């Protein structure tokens, strides 16, 4: 798994490339933990290039979302598709996670949320 960071305004886009499994998902957890320590407030996790996720990957997404939510920061998960989408739906997490269709949609929603705060 590879993680690419991009910044748009005050939002960081975390592009995940490859499988999110037992052997690699901890990398995403470590990156987000470091970003939270730097007081970054807005996140988009882009899963467009993730074709496989296992329970470890789901666990990392839950951990990330819980920590970001506790700190009153904003997270959107974008481009969920294929088997990743199936796993999220099977685990009934599609109502729990803030999933949006695209990075662009996520950025628009984050900008709107920032105006409300």
N, C-alpha and C. Protein backbone atom coordinates (compact mmCIF):
# COMPACT_ATOMS: atom_id res chain seq x y z
N UNK A 1 0.84 -1.18 0.00
CA UNK A 1 0.00 0.00 0.00
C UNK A 1 0.89 1.24 0.00
N UNK A 2 0.45 2.24 -0.73
CA UNK A 2 1.16 3.51 -0.81
C UNK A 2 0.18 4.62 -0.42
N UNK A 3 0.69 5.65 0.23
CA UNK A 3 -0.14 6.77 0.64
C UNK A 3 0.44 8.04 0.04
N UNK A 4 -0.42 8.78 -0.66
CA UNK A 4 -0.01 10.04 -1.27
C UNK A 4 -0.83 11.16 -0.62
N UNK A 5 -0.16 12.22 -0.21
CA UNK A 5 -0.83 13.36 0.40
C UNK A 5 -0.89 14.53 -0.56
N UNK A 6 -2.06 15.16 -0.61
CA UNK A 6 -2.24 16.38 -1.40
C UNK A 6 -2.97 17.36 -0.50
N UNK A 7 -2.73 18.64 -0.71
CA UNK A 7 -3.42 19.65 0.09
C UNK A 7 -4.24 20.54 -0.82
N UNK A 8 -5.49 20.77 -0.42
CA UNK A 8 -6.37 21.69 -1.12
C UNK A 8 -6.95 22.62 -0.07
N UNK A 9 -6.58 23.90 -0.13
CA UNK A 9 -6.99 24.87 0.89
C UNK A 9 -6.51 24.35 2.24
N UNK A 10 -7.41 24.15 3.20
CA UNK A 10 -7.00 23.64 4.51
C UNK A 10 -7.32 22.16 4.68
N UNK A 11 -7.62 21.49 3.58
CA UNK A 11 -8.00 20.07 3.61
C UNK A 11 -6.88 19.22 3.01
N UNK A 12 -6.58 18.13 3.70
CA UNK A 12 -5.59 17.17 3.19
C UNK A 12 -6.31 15.99 2.56
N UNK A 13 -5.92 15.66 1.35
CA UNK A 13 -6.46 14.51 0.65
C UNK A 13 -5.44 13.38 0.80
N UNK A 14 -5.89 12.29 1.39
CA UNK A 14 -5.03 11.13 1.62
C UNK A 14 -5.42 10.08 0.59
N UNK A 15 -4.62 9.96 -0.44
CA UNK A 15 -4.90 8.99 -1.51
C UNK A 15 -4.23 7.67 -1.14
N UNK A 16 -5.06 6.64 -1.00
CA UNK A 16 -4.56 5.31 -0.65
C UNK A 16 -4.48 4.49 -1.93
N UNK A 17 -3.31 3.88 -2.17
CA UNK A 17 -3.09 3.09 -3.38
C UNK A 17 -2.70 1.68 -2.97
N UNK A 18 -3.47 0.69 -3.41
CA UNK A 18 -3.15 -0.69 -3.09
C UNK A 18 -4.14 -1.28 -2.10
N UNK A 19 -3.82 -2.46 -1.61
CA UNK A 19 -4.70 -3.18 -0.69
C UNK A 19 -4.59 -2.65 0.73
N UNK A 20 -5.73 -2.57 1.40
CA UNK A 20 -5.75 -2.21 2.83
C UNK A 20 -5.97 -3.51 3.60
N UNK A 21 -4.87 -4.11 4.02
CA UNK A 21 -4.98 -5.39 4.71
C UNK A 21 -4.12 -5.41 5.97
N UNK A 22 -4.04 -6.57 6.58
CA UNK A 22 -3.30 -6.75 7.82
C UNK A 22 -1.87 -6.24 7.72
N UNK A 23 -1.26 -6.38 6.56
CA UNK A 23 0.14 -6.06 6.39
C UNK A 23 0.41 -4.59 6.10
N UNK A 24 -0.64 -3.84 5.70
CA UNK A 24 -0.37 -2.47 5.27
C UNK A 24 -1.26 -1.39 5.88
N UNK A 25 -2.41 -1.75 6.40
CA UNK A 25 -3.36 -0.72 6.83
C UNK A 25 -2.84 0.13 7.99
N UNK A 26 -1.91 -0.41 8.78
CA UNK A 26 -1.33 0.36 9.88
C UNK A 26 -0.65 1.64 9.38
N UNK A 27 -0.18 1.62 8.12
CA UNK A 27 0.48 2.80 7.55
C UNK A 27 -0.47 3.99 7.51
N UNK A 28 -1.71 3.74 7.12
CA UNK A 28 -2.71 4.80 7.07
C UNK A 28 -2.98 5.33 8.47
N UNK A 29 -3.09 4.43 9.42
CA UNK A 29 -3.32 4.82 10.82
C UNK A 29 -2.18 5.70 11.31
N UNK A 30 -0.94 5.34 11.02
CA UNK A 30 0.22 6.12 11.44
C UNK A 30 0.24 7.51 10.81
N UNK A 31 -0.07 7.58 9.52
CA UNK A 31 -0.08 8.87 8.83
C UNK A 31 -1.12 9.80 9.45
N UNK A 32 -2.33 9.30 9.65
CA UNK A 32 -3.40 10.14 10.20
C UNK A 32 -3.08 10.53 11.65
N UNK A 33 -2.52 9.63 12.42
CA UNK A 33 -2.15 9.94 13.81
C UNK A 33 -1.15 11.10 13.84
N UNK A 34 -0.16 11.08 12.95
CA UNK A 34 0.82 12.17 12.88
C UNK A 34 0.16 13.48 12.43
N UNK A 35 -0.78 13.39 11.51
CA UNK A 35 -1.47 14.58 11.03
C UNK A 35 -2.34 15.19 12.14
N UNK A 36 -2.99 14.34 12.92
CA UNK A 36 -3.79 14.83 14.04
C UNK A 36 -2.90 15.54 15.06
N UNK A 37 -1.72 15.00 15.28
CA UNK A 37 -0.77 15.62 16.22
C UNK A 37 -0.33 17.00 15.73
N UNK A 38 -0.37 17.21 14.42
CA UNK A 38 0.01 18.51 13.84
C UNK A 38 -1.19 19.46 13.76
N UNK A 39 -2.31 19.06 14.36
CA UNK A 39 -3.52 19.88 14.44
C UNK A 39 -4.19 20.13 13.08
N UNK A 40 -4.06 19.19 12.17
CA UNK A 40 -4.76 19.29 10.89
C UNK A 40 -6.23 18.97 11.15
N UNK A 41 -7.13 19.75 10.55
CA UNK A 41 -8.54 19.66 10.90
C UNK A 41 -9.44 18.98 9.86
N UNK A 42 -9.05 18.98 8.59
CA UNK A 42 -9.93 18.47 7.53
C UNK A 42 -9.24 17.40 6.69
N UNK A 43 -9.95 16.28 6.52
CA UNK A 43 -9.37 15.11 5.86
C UNK A 43 -10.32 14.52 4.83
N UNK A 44 -9.76 14.09 3.71
CA UNK A 44 -10.47 13.27 2.75
C UNK A 44 -9.61 12.03 2.53
N UNK A 45 -10.18 10.85 2.78
CA UNK A 45 -9.48 9.60 2.48
C UNK A 45 -10.04 9.12 1.15
N UNK A 46 -9.21 9.12 0.13
CA UNK A 46 -9.61 8.75 -1.23
C UNK A 46 -9.26 7.27 -1.47
N UNK A 47 -10.30 6.46 -1.64
CA UNK A 47 -10.11 5.02 -1.83
C UNK A 47 -10.27 4.59 -3.29
N UNK A 48 -10.14 5.52 -4.22
CA UNK A 48 -10.33 5.21 -5.64
C UNK A 48 -9.39 4.11 -6.13
N UNK A 49 -8.20 4.03 -5.56
CA UNK A 49 -7.20 3.06 -6.02
C UNK A 49 -7.02 1.91 -5.04
N UNK A 50 -8.06 1.65 -4.25
CA UNK A 50 -8.06 0.51 -3.33
C UNK A 50 -9.06 -0.51 -3.86
N UNK A 51 -8.58 -1.70 -4.17
CA UNK A 51 -9.46 -2.75 -4.70
C UNK A 51 -9.76 -3.84 -3.69
N UNK A 52 -9.05 -3.83 -2.55
CA UNK A 52 -9.25 -4.88 -1.55
C UNK A 52 -9.08 -4.29 -0.15
N UNK A 53 -10.00 -4.68 0.73
CA UNK A 53 -9.90 -4.29 2.13
C UNK A 53 -10.31 -5.48 2.98
N UNK A 54 -9.58 -5.71 4.07
CA UNK A 54 -9.97 -6.79 4.99
C UNK A 54 -10.37 -6.17 6.33
N UNK A 55 -10.58 -7.00 7.34
CA UNK A 55 -11.05 -6.51 8.62
C UNK A 55 -10.04 -5.54 9.27
N UNK A 56 -8.78 -5.72 9.01
CA UNK A 56 -7.77 -4.79 9.54
C UNK A 56 -7.94 -3.40 8.93
N UNK A 57 -8.18 -3.37 7.64
CA UNK A 57 -8.42 -2.09 6.96
C UNK A 57 -9.67 -1.41 7.46
N UNK A 58 -10.73 -2.19 7.66
CA UNK A 58 -11.98 -1.64 8.21
C UNK A 58 -11.72 -1.11 9.62
N UNK A 59 -10.97 -1.86 10.41
CA UNK A 59 -10.63 -1.43 11.76
C UNK A 59 -9.88 -0.11 11.78
N UNK A 60 -8.96 0.07 10.83
CA UNK A 60 -8.22 1.32 10.74
C UNK A 60 -9.15 2.47 10.37
N UNK A 61 -10.07 2.24 9.43
CA UNK A 61 -11.01 3.30 9.06
C UNK A 61 -11.89 3.69 10.26
N UNK A 62 -12.33 2.70 11.03
CA UNK A 62 -13.14 2.99 12.23
C UNK A 62 -12.31 3.79 13.23
N UNK A 63 -11.07 3.37 13.46
CA UNK A 63 -10.18 4.06 14.39
C UNK A 63 -9.96 5.52 13.96
N UNK A 64 -9.65 5.71 12.70
CA UNK A 64 -9.40 7.05 12.17
C UNK A 64 -10.64 7.92 12.34
N UNK A 65 -11.80 7.40 11.90
CA UNK A 65 -13.03 8.18 11.97
C UNK A 65 -13.37 8.53 13.42
N UNK A 66 -13.24 7.58 14.32
CA UNK A 66 -13.54 7.82 15.74
C UNK A 66 -12.65 8.91 16.32
N UNK A 67 -11.36 8.84 16.06
CA UNK A 67 -10.43 9.85 16.58
C UNK A 67 -10.69 11.23 16.01
N UNK A 68 -10.94 11.30 14.71
CA UNK A 68 -11.20 12.59 14.08
C UNK A 68 -12.50 13.18 14.62
N UNK A 69 -13.51 12.35 14.77
CA UNK A 69 -14.81 12.81 15.28
C UNK A 69 -14.68 13.31 16.73
N UNK A 70 -13.93 12.57 17.57
CA UNK A 70 -13.73 12.98 18.97
C UNK A 70 -13.10 14.36 19.08
N UNK A 71 -12.24 14.68 18.14
CA UNK A 71 -11.53 15.96 18.15
C UNK A 71 -12.29 17.07 17.40
N UNK A 72 -13.53 16.78 17.01
CA UNK A 72 -14.37 17.73 16.27
C UNK A 72 -13.72 18.21 14.98
N UNK A 73 -13.09 17.29 14.30
CA UNK A 73 -12.50 17.59 13.00
C UNK A 73 -13.36 16.92 11.93
N UNK A 74 -13.04 17.14 10.68
CA UNK A 74 -13.89 16.67 9.59
C UNK A 74 -13.18 15.61 8.76
N UNK A 75 -13.88 14.52 8.49
CA UNK A 75 -13.38 13.45 7.62
C UNK A 75 -14.46 13.09 6.61
N UNK A 76 -14.05 12.90 5.39
CA UNK A 76 -14.90 12.35 4.33
C UNK A 76 -14.11 11.21 3.68
N UNK A 77 -14.81 10.15 3.34
CA UNK A 77 -14.20 9.03 2.64
C UNK A 77 -14.81 9.01 1.24
N UNK A 78 -13.96 9.05 0.22
CA UNK A 78 -14.46 9.17 -1.15
C UNK A 78 -14.07 7.98 -2.02
N UNK A 79 -14.81 7.86 -3.12
CA UNK A 79 -14.52 6.87 -4.17
C UNK A 79 -14.50 5.44 -3.66
N UNK A 80 -15.48 5.09 -2.84
CA UNK A 80 -15.61 3.71 -2.37
C UNK A 80 -16.29 2.92 -3.48
N UNK A 81 -15.69 1.81 -3.90
CA UNK A 81 -16.22 1.07 -5.04
C UNK A 81 -15.89 -0.42 -4.94
N UNK A 82 -16.49 -1.20 -5.80
CA UNK A 82 -16.15 -2.62 -5.94
C UNK A 82 -16.24 -3.42 -4.66
N UNK A 83 -15.25 -4.26 -4.42
CA UNK A 83 -15.27 -5.13 -3.24
C UNK A 83 -15.15 -4.34 -1.94
N UNK A 84 -14.50 -3.18 -1.99
CA UNK A 84 -14.41 -2.33 -0.79
C UNK A 84 -15.81 -1.86 -0.40
N UNK A 85 -16.57 -1.44 -1.38
CA UNK A 85 -17.96 -1.01 -1.13
C UNK A 85 -18.79 -2.17 -0.59
N UNK A 86 -18.62 -3.36 -1.13
CA UNK A 86 -19.35 -4.54 -0.66
C UNK A 86 -19.05 -4.84 0.80
N UNK A 87 -17.77 -4.79 1.17
CA UNK A 87 -17.37 -5.07 2.56
C UNK A 87 -17.97 -4.03 3.49
N UNK A 88 -17.93 -2.77 3.11
CA UNK A 88 -18.48 -1.70 3.96
C UNK A 88 -19.99 -1.86 4.11
N UNK A 89 -20.66 -2.24 3.03
CA UNK A 89 -22.12 -2.46 3.12
C UNK A 89 -22.44 -3.70 3.95
N UNK A 90 -21.69 -4.78 3.76
CA UNK A 90 -21.92 -6.01 4.53
C UNK A 90 -21.74 -5.80 6.03
N UNK A 91 -20.79 -4.95 6.39
CA UNK A 91 -20.54 -4.69 7.80
C UNK A 91 -21.46 -3.59 8.34
N UNK A 92 -22.36 -3.11 7.50
CA UNK A 92 -23.32 -2.06 7.85
C UNK A 92 -22.65 -0.75 8.29
N UNK A 93 -21.46 -0.52 7.77
CA UNK A 93 -20.73 0.70 8.11
C UNK A 93 -20.99 1.83 7.12
N UNK A 94 -21.77 1.56 6.07
CA UNK A 94 -22.03 2.62 5.09
C UNK A 94 -22.85 3.75 5.71
N UNK A 95 -23.62 3.46 6.77
CA UNK A 95 -24.35 4.52 7.46
C UNK A 95 -23.47 5.21 8.51
N UNK A 96 -22.42 4.56 8.94
CA UNK A 96 -21.53 5.08 9.97
C UNK A 96 -20.47 6.02 9.38
N UNK A 97 -19.85 5.59 8.30
CA UNK A 97 -18.80 6.38 7.68
C UNK A 97 -19.37 7.53 6.86
N UNK A 98 -18.68 8.67 6.84
CA UNK A 98 -19.10 9.80 6.00
C UNK A 98 -18.61 9.62 4.56
N UNK A 99 -19.31 8.77 3.82
CA UNK A 99 -18.89 8.40 2.46
C UNK A 99 -19.51 9.34 1.43
N UNK A 100 -18.68 9.81 0.52
CA UNK A 100 -19.14 10.65 -0.59
C UNK A 100 -18.61 10.06 -1.90
N UNK A 101 -19.20 10.48 -3.01
CA UNK A 101 -18.87 9.90 -4.29
C UNK A 101 -17.49 10.24 -4.83
N UNK A 102 -17.04 11.46 -4.59
CA UNK A 102 -15.78 11.89 -5.19
C UNK A 102 -15.02 12.83 -4.26
N UNK A 103 -13.76 13.05 -4.58
CA UNK A 103 -12.94 13.99 -3.81
C UNK A 103 -13.54 15.39 -3.94
N UNK A 104 -13.97 15.74 -5.13
CA UNK A 104 -14.56 17.07 -5.36
C UNK A 104 -15.77 17.28 -4.45
N UNK A 105 -16.65 16.29 -4.40
CA UNK A 105 -17.84 16.36 -3.54
C UNK A 105 -17.42 16.50 -2.07
N UNK A 106 -16.40 15.76 -1.67
CA UNK A 106 -15.91 15.82 -0.29
C UNK A 106 -15.42 17.23 0.04
N UNK A 107 -14.65 17.82 -0.87
CA UNK A 107 -14.12 19.17 -0.64
C UNK A 107 -15.24 20.19 -0.53
N UNK A 108 -16.26 20.06 -1.35
CA UNK A 108 -17.42 20.98 -1.28
C UNK A 108 -18.11 20.84 0.07
N UNK A 109 -18.35 19.61 0.50
CA UNK A 109 -19.02 19.38 1.79
C UNK A 109 -18.19 19.90 2.96
N UNK A 110 -16.88 19.75 2.89
CA UNK A 110 -16.02 20.24 3.97
C UNK A 110 -16.06 21.77 4.01
N UNK A 111 -16.01 22.41 2.86
CA UNK A 111 -16.08 23.88 2.83
C UNK A 111 -17.40 24.36 3.41
N UNK A 112 -18.51 23.68 3.10
CA UNK A 112 -19.81 24.05 3.65
C UNK A 112 -19.85 23.86 5.16
N UNK A 113 -19.28 22.76 5.63
CA UNK A 113 -19.25 22.47 7.07
C UNK A 113 -18.42 23.50 7.82
N UNK A 114 -17.34 23.95 7.22
CA UNK A 114 -16.48 24.94 7.87
C UNK A 114 -17.23 26.28 8.04
N UNK A 115 -18.09 26.61 7.09
CA UNK A 115 -18.87 27.85 7.18
C UNK A 115 -19.87 27.80 8.34
N UNK A 116 -20.37 26.61 8.62
CA UNK A 116 -21.35 26.42 9.69
C UNK A 116 -20.70 26.51 11.06
N UNK A 117 -19.45 26.07 11.17
CA UNK A 117 -18.76 26.01 12.47
C UNK A 117 -18.47 27.36 13.03
